[in-house]
Amino acid sequence: GRKKTHRVKFAKQILYHNMKELRIIFMGTPDFAVASLNALVEAKYNVVAVITAPDKPAGRGRKLNQSAVKKYALLKGLEILQPVNILIFSII
């Protein structure tokens, strides 16, 4: 009935509010990961850091190439971590 509907709405509001308070560390490197990161940022979630692969040399000049995720994170002013070995984050 009406009471149940009100309780469900209230529970959803609490869940939504609590989700916004999460401190999110996003992990991704390829181009398609940018869409997920963008969705979190645009929805105003608290993305505290982005972990992505280290820049890699590419082309004949061996110029360092940034991942798509790093480029997006820089654009949005997010903290960027680029570990050589992801296993160091196993303690988080």
C-alpha atoms as a PDB file:
ATOM      1  CA  GLY A   1       0.000   0.000   0.000  1.00  0.00           C
ATOM      2  CA  ARG A   2       0.875   3.600   0.488  1.00  0.00           C
ATOM      3  CA  LYS A   3       3.156   3.077   3.493  1.00  0.00           C
ATOM      4  CA  LYS A   4       5.227   0.500   1.626  1.00  0.00           C
ATOM      5  CA  THR A   5       5.637   2.836  -1.371  1.00  0.00           C
ATOM      6  CA  HIS A   6       6.778   5.635   0.947  1.00  0.00           C
ATOM      7  CA  ARG A   7       9.296   3.326   2.677  1.00  0.00           C
ATOM      8  CA  VAL A   8      10.713   2.185  -0.670  1.00  0.00           C
ATOM      9  CA  LYS A   9      11.111   5.793  -1.869  1.00  0.00           C
ATOM     10  CA  PHE A  10      12.763   6.752   1.429  1.00  0.00           C
ATOM     11  CA  ALA A  11      15.144   3.768   1.249  1.00  0.00           C
ATOM     12  CA  LYS A  12      16.123   4.693  -2.332  1.00  0.00           C
ATOM     13  CA  GLN A  13      16.813   8.293  -1.251  1.00  0.00           C
ATOM     14  CA  ILE A  14      19.078   7.115   1.569  1.00  0.00           C
ATOM     15  CA  LEU A  15      20.913   4.692  -0.740  1.00  0.00           C
ATOM     16  CA  TYR A  16      21.362   7.407  -3.374  1.00  0.00           C
ATOM     17  CA  HIS A  17      22.689   9.857  -0.775  1.00  0.00           C
ATOM     18  CA  ASN A  18      25.107   7.282   0.685  1.00  0.00           C
ATOM     19  CA  MET A  19      26.376   6.316  -2.780  1.00  0.00           C
ATOM     20  CA  LYS A  20      27.326   9.946  -3.443  1.00  0.00           C
ATOM     21  CA  GLU A  21      29.488   9.922  -0.288  1.00  0.00           C
ATOM     22  CA  LEU A  22      31.610   6.997  -1.493  1.00  0.00           C
ATOM     23  CA  ARG A  23      35.282   7.731  -2.130  1.00  0.00           C
ATOM     24  CA  ILE A  24      35.924   6.069  -5.485  1.00  0.00           C
ATOM     25  CA  ILE A  25      39.271   5.006  -6.925  1.00  0.00           C
ATOM     26  CA  PHE A  26      38.728   4.331 -10.630  1.00  0.00           C
ATOM     27  CA  MET A  27      40.961   1.842 -12.433  1.00  0.00           C
ATOM     28  CA  GLY A  28      41.140   1.802 -16.227  1.00  0.00           C
ATOM     29  CA  THR A  29      43.335   2.482 -19.241  1.00  0.00           C
ATOM     30  CA  PRO A  30      41.663   1.817 -22.629  1.00  0.00           C
ATOM     31  CA  ASP A  31      39.505   4.267 -24.558  1.00  0.00           C
ATOM     32  CA  PHE A  32      36.240   2.522 -23.643  1.00  0.00           C
ATOM     33  CA  ALA A  33      36.943   3.039 -19.904  1.00  0.00           C
ATOM     34  CA  VAL A  34      36.593   6.807 -20.332  1.00  0.00           C
ATOM     35  CA  ALA A  35      32.805   6.488 -20.733  1.00  0.00           C
ATOM     36  CA  SER A  36      32.500   4.839 -17.301  1.00  0.00           C
ATOM     37  CA  LEU A  37      34.753   7.410 -15.644  1.00  0.00           C
ATOM     38  CA  ASN A  38      32.846  10.226 -17.334  1.00  0.00           C
ATOM     39  CA  ALA A  39      29.530   8.825 -16.068  1.00  0.00           C
ATOM     40  CA  LEU A  40      30.849   8.872 -12.487  1.00  0.00           C
ATOM     41  CA  VAL A  41      32.242  12.409 -12.814  1.00  0.00           C
ATOM     42  CA  GLU A  42      29.123  13.813 -14.502  1.00  0.00           C
ATOM     43  CA  ALA A  43      26.901  12.215 -11.823  1.00  0.00           C
ATOM     44  CA  LYS A  44      29.000  14.071  -9.214  1.00  0.00           C
ATOM     45  CA  TYR A  45      30.394  10.946  -7.534  1.00  0.00           C
ATOM     46  CA  ASN A  46      33.500  11.522  -5.411  1.00  0.00           C
ATOM     47  CA  VAL A  47      36.286  10.138  -7.619  1.00  0.00           C
ATOM     48  CA  VAL A  48      39.368  10.633  -5.434  1.00  0.00           C
ATOM     49  CA  ALA A  49      41.921   9.026  -7.757  1.00  0.00           C
ATOM     50  CA  VAL A  50      42.384   7.345 -11.111  1.00  0.00           C
ATOM     51  CA  ILE A  51      44.773   4.420 -11.545  1.00  0.00           C
ATOM     52  CA  THR A  52      45.923   3.871 -15.112  1.00  0.00           C
ATOM     53  CA  ALA A  53      48.861   2.281 -16.939  1.00  0.00           C
ATOM     54  CA  PRO A  54      52.126   4.229 -17.127  1.00  0.00           C
ATOM     55  CA  ASP A  55      52.768   6.317 -20.233  1.00  0.00           C
ATOM     56  CA  LYS A  56      54.345   4.210 -22.967  1.00  0.00           C
ATOM     57  CA  PRO A  57      56.713   5.151 -25.771  1.00  0.00           C
ATOM     58  CA  ALA A  58      55.101   4.973 -29.209  1.00  0.00           C
ATOM     59  CA  GLY A  59      56.016   5.707 -32.790  1.00  0.00           C
ATOM     60  CA  ARG A  60      59.439   6.171 -34.367  1.00  0.00           C
ATOM     61  CA  GLY A  61      60.287   9.042 -32.056  1.00  0.00           C
ATOM     62  CA  ARG A  62      59.344   6.873 -29.050  1.00  0.00           C
ATOM     63  CA  LYS A  63      57.369   9.822 -27.663  1.00  0.00           C
ATOM     64  CA  LEU A  64      55.535   8.972 -24.423  1.00  0.00           C
ATOM     65  CA  ASN A  65      51.868   8.308 -25.107  1.00  0.00           C
ATOM     66  CA  GLN A  66      49.225   8.909 -22.397  1.00  0.00           C
ATOM     67  CA  SER A  67      46.246   6.589 -22.012  1.00  0.00           C
ATOM     68  CA  ALA A  68      42.786   7.901 -22.873  1.00  0.00           C
ATOM     69  CA  VAL A  69      41.832   7.618 -19.195  1.00  0.00           C
ATOM     70  CA  LYS A  70      44.838   9.708 -18.125  1.00  0.00           C
ATOM     71  CA  LYS A  71      44.015  12.412 -20.683  1.00  0.00           C
ATOM     72  CA  TYR A  72      40.434  12.591 -19.379  1.00  0.00           C
ATOM     73  CA  ALA A  73      41.571  12.611 -15.724  1.00  0.00           C
ATOM     74  CA  LEU A  74      43.980  15.467 -16.441  1.00  0.00           C
ATOM     75  CA  LEU A  75      41.201  17.402 -18.150  1.00  0.00           C
ATOM     76  CA  LYS A  76      38.968  16.973 -15.082  1.00  0.00           C
ATOM     77  CA  GLY A  77      41.734  17.682 -12.553  1.00  0.00           C
ATOM     78  CA  LEU A  78      41.603  14.219 -10.976  1.00  0.00           C
ATOM     79  CA  GLU A  79      44.469  12.659  -8.998  1.00  0.00           C
ATOM     80  CA  ILE A  80      46.342  10.207 -11.251  1.00  0.00           C
ATOM     81  CA  LEU A  81      48.349   7.186 -10.133  1.00  0.00           C
ATOM     82  CA  GLN A  82      50.410   5.208 -12.646  1.00  0.00           C
ATOM     83  CA  PRO A  83      52.004   2.235 -10.898  1.00  0.00           C
ATOM     84  CA  VAL A  84      54.540   0.128 -12.752  1.00  0.00           C
ATOM     85  CA  ASN A  85      53.091  -2.926 -11.001  1.00  0.00           C
ATOM     86  CA  ILE A  86      49.406  -3.001 -10.009  1.00  0.00           C
ATOM     87  CA  LEU A  87      50.152  -5.526  -7.240  1.00  0.00           C
ATOM     88  CA  ILE A  88      51.322  -2.710  -4.977  1.00  0.00           C
ATOM     89  CA  PHE A  89      47.664  -1.700  -4.654  1.00  0.00           C
ATOM     90  CA  SER A  90      46.620  -5.078  -3.282  1.00  0.00           C
ATOM     91  CA  ILE A  91      46.846  -3.632   0.231  1.00  0.00           C
ATOM     92  CA  ILE A  92      44.158  -0.977  -0.395  1.00  0.00           C
END
